[in-house]
């Protein structure tokens, strides 16, 4: 039972760090355009096939 005294604050601190990092990345517009990145591979692949 003594380990709960150590793990509970550690878990809360770790959760707050991840929450801070999520909001930081969200505010820096990292997640604004998720669609175009998946299409870039297809466009580059079709250009490469046309060049051959």
PDB file of N, CA and C in Angstrom:
ATOM      1  N   UNK A   1       0.814  -1.202   0.000  1.00  0.00           N
ATOM      2  CA  UNK A   1       0.000   0.000   0.000  1.00  0.00           C
ATOM      3  C   UNK A   1       0.855   1.262   0.000  1.00  0.00           C
ATOM      4  N   UNK A   2       2.100   1.161   0.437  1.00  0.00           N
ATOM      5  CA  UNK A   2       2.953   2.346   0.473  1.00  0.00           C
ATOM      6  C   UNK A   2       3.318   2.831  -0.920  1.00  0.00           C
ATOM      7  N   UNK A   3       3.243   1.931  -1.892  1.00  0.00           N
ATOM      8  CA  UNK A   3       3.617   2.321  -3.251  1.00  0.00           C
ATOM      9  C   UNK A   3       2.587   3.277  -3.858  1.00  0.00           C
ATOM     10  N   UNK A   4       1.358   3.258  -3.370  1.00  0.00           N
ATOM     11  CA  UNK A   4       0.331   4.185  -3.863  1.00  0.00           C
ATOM     12  C   UNK A   4       0.723   5.619  -3.547  1.00  0.00           C
ATOM     13  N   UNK A   5       1.381   5.830  -2.437  1.00  0.00           N
ATOM     14  CA  UNK A   5       1.816   7.180  -2.054  1.00  0.00           C
ATOM     15  C   UNK A   5       2.823   7.716  -3.069  1.00  0.00           C
ATOM     16  N   UNK A   6       3.598   6.848  -3.660  1.00  0.00           N
ATOM     17  CA  UNK A   6       4.592   7.261  -4.662  1.00  0.00           C
ATOM     18  C   UNK A   6       3.961   7.331  -6.050  1.00  0.00           C
ATOM     19  N   UNK A   7       3.140   6.357  -6.409  1.00  0.00           N
ATOM     20  CA  UNK A   7       2.607   6.274  -7.765  1.00  0.00           C
ATOM     21  C   UNK A   7       1.507   7.288  -8.062  1.00  0.00           C
ATOM     22  N   UNK A   8       0.699   7.629  -7.103  1.00  0.00           N
ATOM     23  CA  UNK A   8      -0.395   8.564  -7.354  1.00  0.00           C
ATOM     24  C   UNK A   8       0.116   9.944  -7.780  1.00  0.00           C
ATOM     25  N   UNK A   9       1.035  10.574  -7.071  1.00  0.00           N
ATOM     26  CA  UNK A   9       1.537  11.880  -7.541  1.00  0.00           C
ATOM     27  C   UNK A   9       2.300  11.772  -8.862  1.00  0.00           C
ATOM     28  N   UNK A  10       3.040  10.676  -9.045  1.00  0.00           N
ATOM     29  CA  UNK A  10       3.771  10.484 -10.289  1.00  0.00           C
ATOM     30  C   UNK A  10       2.816  10.387 -11.478  1.00  0.00           C
ATOM     31  N   UNK A  11       1.716   9.689 -11.301  1.00  0.00           N
ATOM     32  CA  UNK A  11       0.724   9.549 -12.363  1.00  0.00           C
ATOM     33  C   UNK A  11       0.063  10.878 -12.686  1.00  0.00           C
ATOM     34  N   UNK A  12      -0.237  11.651 -11.671  1.00  0.00           N
ATOM     35  CA  UNK A  12      -0.866  12.959 -11.885  1.00  0.00           C
ATOM     36  C   UNK A  12       0.097  13.896 -12.606  1.00  0.00           C
ATOM     37  N   UNK A  13       1.353  13.897 -12.207  1.00  0.00           N
ATOM     38  CA  UNK A  13       2.358  14.744 -12.866  1.00  0.00           C
ATOM     39  C   UNK A  13       2.547  14.321 -14.311  1.00  0.00           C
ATOM     40  N   UNK A  14       2.610  13.026 -14.562  1.00  0.00           N
ATOM     41  CA  UNK A  14       2.773  12.528 -15.920  1.00  0.00           C
ATOM     42  C   UNK A  14       1.576  12.891 -16.793  1.00  0.00           C
ATOM     43  N   UNK A  15       0.382  12.790 -16.253  1.00  0.00           N
ATOM     44  CA  UNK A  15      -0.823  13.161 -16.993  1.00  0.00           C
ATOM     45  C   UNK A  15      -0.829  14.656 -17.307  1.00  0.00           C
ATOM     46  N   UNK A  16      -0.402  15.477 -16.367  1.00  0.00           N
ATOM     47  CA  UNK A  16      -0.345  16.923 -16.606  1.00  0.00           C
ATOM     48  C   UNK A  16       0.692  17.281 -17.666  1.00  0.00           C
ATOM     49  N   UNK A  17       1.812  16.566 -17.677  1.00  0.00           N
ATOM     50  CA  UNK A  17       2.838  16.809 -18.704  1.00  0.00           C
ATOM     51  C   UNK A  17       2.289  16.471 -20.085  1.00  0.00           C
ATOM     52  N   UNK A  18       1.624  15.322 -20.235  1.00  0.00           N
ATOM     53  CA  UNK A  18       1.051  14.955 -21.519  1.00  0.00           C
ATOM     54  C   UNK A  18      -0.061  15.917 -21.932  1.00  0.00           C
ATOM     55  N   UNK A  19      -0.847  16.377 -20.988  1.00  0.00           N
ATOM     56  CA  UNK A  19      -1.895  17.342 -21.290  1.00  0.00           C
ATOM     57  C   UNK A  19      -1.292  18.667 -21.761  1.00  0.00           C
ATOM     58  N   UNK A  20      -0.234  19.104 -21.115  1.00  0.00           N
ATOM     59  CA  UNK A  20       0.452  20.330 -21.521  1.00  0.00           C
ATOM     60  C   UNK A  20       1.030  20.179 -22.927  1.00  0.00           C
ATOM     61  N   UNK A  21       1.666  19.049 -23.215  1.00  0.00           N
ATOM     62  CA  UNK A  21       2.249  18.838 -24.535  1.00  0.00           C
ATOM     63  C   UNK A  21       1.178  18.754 -25.617  1.00  0.00           C
ATOM     64  N   UNK A  22       0.035  18.159 -25.295  1.00  0.00           N
ATOM     65  CA  UNK A  22      -1.059  18.108 -26.260  1.00  0.00           C
ATOM     66  C   UNK A  22      -1.567  19.501 -26.581  1.00  0.00           C
ATOM     67  N   UNK A  23      -1.823  20.320 -25.567  1.00  0.00           N
ATOM     68  CA  UNK A  23      -2.325  21.666 -25.818  1.00  0.00           C
ATOM     69  C   UNK A  23      -1.291  22.529 -26.526  1.00  0.00           C
ATOM     70  N   UNK A  24      -0.033  22.309 -26.225  1.00  0.00           N
ATOM     71  CA  UNK A  24       1.026  23.062 -26.897  1.00  0.00           C
ATOM     72  C   UNK A  24       1.068  22.723 -28.384  1.00  0.00           C
ATOM     73  N   UNK A  25       0.981  21.445 -28.712  1.00  0.00           N
ATOM     74  CA  UNK A  25       0.991  21.059 -30.125  1.00  0.00           C
ATOM     75  C   UNK A  25      -0.304  21.453 -30.818  1.00  0.00           C
ATOM     76  N   UNK A  26      -1.392  21.441 -30.107  1.00  0.00           N
ATOM     77  CA  UNK A  26      -2.672  21.836 -30.692  1.00  0.00           C
ATOM     78  C   UNK A  26      -2.702  23.337 -30.981  1.00  0.00           C
ATOM     79  N   UNK A  27      -2.126  24.133 -30.127  1.00  0.00           N
ATOM     80  CA  UNK A  27      -2.105  25.583 -30.326  1.00  0.00           C
ATOM     81  C   UNK A  27      -1.117  26.008 -31.396  1.00  0.00           C
ATOM     82  N   UNK A  28      -0.142  25.167 -31.717  1.00  0.00           N
ATOM     83  CA  UNK A  28       0.826  25.519 -32.752  1.00  0.00           C
ATOM     84  C   UNK A  28       0.367  25.041 -34.124  1.00  0.00           C
ATOM     85  N   UNK A  29      -0.919  24.735 -34.276  1.00  0.00           N
ATOM     86  CA  UNK A  29      -1.544  24.334 -35.539  1.00  0.00           C
ATOM     87  C   UNK A  29      -0.917  23.086 -36.138  1.00  0.00           C
ATOM     88  N   UNK A  30      -0.497  22.174 -35.325  1.00  0.00           N
ATOM     89  CA  UNK A  30       0.077  20.934 -35.814  1.00  0.00           C
ATOM     90  C   UNK A  30      -1.004  20.001 -36.355  1.00  0.00           C
ATOM     91  N   UNK A  31      -2.207  20.090 -35.844  1.00  0.00           N
ATOM     92  CA  UNK A  31      -3.266  19.171 -36.227  1.00  0.00           C
ATOM     93  C   UNK A  31      -4.315  19.815 -37.135  1.00  0.00           C
ATOM     94  N   UNK A  32      -3.988  20.907 -37.799  1.00  0.00           N
ATOM     95  CA  UNK A  32      -4.994  21.597 -38.594  1.00  0.00           C
ATOM     96  C   UNK A  32      -5.252  20.919 -39.933  1.00  0.00           C
ATOM     97  N   UNK A  33      -4.228  20.432 -40.598  1.00  0.00           N
ATOM     98  CA  UNK A  33      -4.400  19.883 -41.938  1.00  0.00           C
ATOM     99  C   UNK A  33      -3.885  18.449 -41.973  1.00  0.00           C
ATOM    100  N   UNK A  34      -4.709  17.518 -41.571  1.00  0.00           N
ATOM    101  CA  UNK A  34      -4.305  16.115 -41.529  1.00  0.00           C
ATOM    102  C   UNK A  34      -4.575  15.399 -42.845  1.00  0.00           C
ATOM    103  N   UNK A  35      -5.424  15.943 -43.691  1.00  0.00           N
ATOM    104  CA  UNK A  35      -5.806  15.263 -44.925  1.00  0.00           C
ATOM    105  C   UNK A  35      -4.722  15.342 -46.001  1.00  0.00           C
ATOM    106  N   UNK A  36      -4.121  16.490 -46.189  1.00  0.00           N
ATOM    107  CA  UNK A  36      -3.218  16.669 -47.327  1.00  0.00           C
ATOM    108  C   UNK A  36      -1.939  15.842 -47.202  1.00  0.00           C
ATOM    109  N   UNK A  37      -1.497  15.573 -46.002  1.00  0.00           N
ATOM    110  CA  UNK A  37      -0.274  14.787 -45.834  1.00  0.00           C
ATOM    111  C   UNK A  37      -0.431  13.366 -46.355  1.00  0.00           C
ATOM    112  N   UNK A  38      -1.609  12.808 -46.244  1.00  0.00           N
ATOM    113  CA  UNK A  38      -1.814  11.452 -46.750  1.00  0.00           C
ATOM    114  C   UNK A  38      -1.874  11.434 -48.273  1.00  0.00           C
ATOM    115  N   UNK A  39      -2.287  12.533 -48.885  1.00  0.00           N
ATOM    116  CA  UNK A  39      -2.350  12.591 -50.343  1.00  0.00           C
ATOM    117  C   UNK A  39      -1.005  12.898 -50.979  1.00  0.00           C
ATOM    118  N   UNK A  40      -0.075  13.462 -50.225  1.00  0.00           N
ATOM    119  CA  UNK A  40       1.243  13.793 -50.770  1.00  0.00           C
ATOM    120  C   UNK A  40       1.967  12.551 -51.271  1.00  0.00           C
ATOM    121  N   UNK A  41       1.845  11.455 -50.552  1.00  0.00           N
ATOM    122  CA  UNK A  41       2.503  10.218 -50.960  1.00  0.00           C
ATOM    123  C   UNK A  41       1.938   9.751 -52.294  1.00  0.00           C
ATOM    124  N   UNK A  42       0.624   9.836 -52.468  1.00  0.00           N
ATOM    125  CA  UNK A  42       0.006   9.401 -53.715  1.00  0.00           C
ATOM    126  C   UNK A  42       0.424  10.285 -54.878  1.00  0.00           C
ATOM    127  N   UNK A  43       0.497  11.575 -54.649  1.00  0.00           N
ATOM    128  CA  UNK A  43       0.890  12.506 -55.705  1.00  0.00           C
ATOM    129  C   UNK A  43       2.348  12.277 -56.090  1.00  0.00           C
ATOM    130  N   UNK A  44       3.224  12.124 -55.097  1.00  0.00           N
ATOM    131  CA  UNK A  44       4.634  11.890 -55.384  1.00  0.00           C
ATOM    132  C   UNK A  44       4.843  10.559 -56.084  1.00  0.00           C
ATOM    133  N   UNK A  45       4.062   9.557 -55.720  1.00  0.00           N
ATOM    134  CA  UNK A  45       4.182   8.259 -56.344  1.00  0.00           C
ATOM    135  C   UNK A  45       3.742   8.304 -57.805  1.00  0.00           C
ATOM    136  N   UNK A  46       2.668   9.037 -58.088  1.00  0.00           N
ATOM    137  CA  UNK A  46       2.214   9.146 -59.476  1.00  0.00           C
ATOM    138  C   UNK A  46       3.202   9.951 -60.307  1.00  0.00           C
ATOM    139  N   UNK A  47       3.834  10.953 -59.745  1.00  0.00           N
ATOM    140  CA  UNK A  47       4.866  11.714 -60.461  1.00  0.00           C
ATOM    141  C   UNK A  47       6.059  10.832 -60.768  1.00  0.00           C
ATOM    142  N   UNK A  48       6.433   9.994 -59.837  1.00  0.00           N
ATOM    143  CA  UNK A  48       7.564   9.100 -60.024  1.00  0.00           C
ATOM    144  C   UNK A  48       7.273   8.072 -61.126  1.00  0.00           C
ATOM    145  N   UNK A  49       6.044   7.582 -61.182  1.00  0.00           N
ATOM    146  CA  UNK A  49       5.674   6.617 -62.230  1.00  0.00           C
ATOM    147  C   UNK A  49       5.643   7.288 -63.600  1.00  0.00           C
ATOM    148  N   UNK A  50       5.231   8.541 -63.642  1.00  0.00           N
ATOM    149  CA  UNK A  50       5.210   9.261 -64.922  1.00  0.00           C
ATOM    150  C   UNK A  50       6.604   9.575 -65.420  1.00  0.00           C
ATOM    151  N   UNK A  51       7.550   9.762 -64.503  1.00  0.00           N
ATOM    152  CA  UNK A  51       8.921  10.060 -64.897  1.00  0.00           C
ATOM    153  C   UNK A  51       9.632   8.847 -65.467  1.00  0.00           C
ATOM    154  N   UNK A  52       9.192   7.662 -65.120  1.00  0.00           N
ATOM    155  CA  UNK A  52       9.866   6.444 -65.575  1.00  0.00           C
ATOM    156  C   UNK A  52       9.561   6.110 -66.975  1.00  0.00           C
TER     157      UNK A  52
END
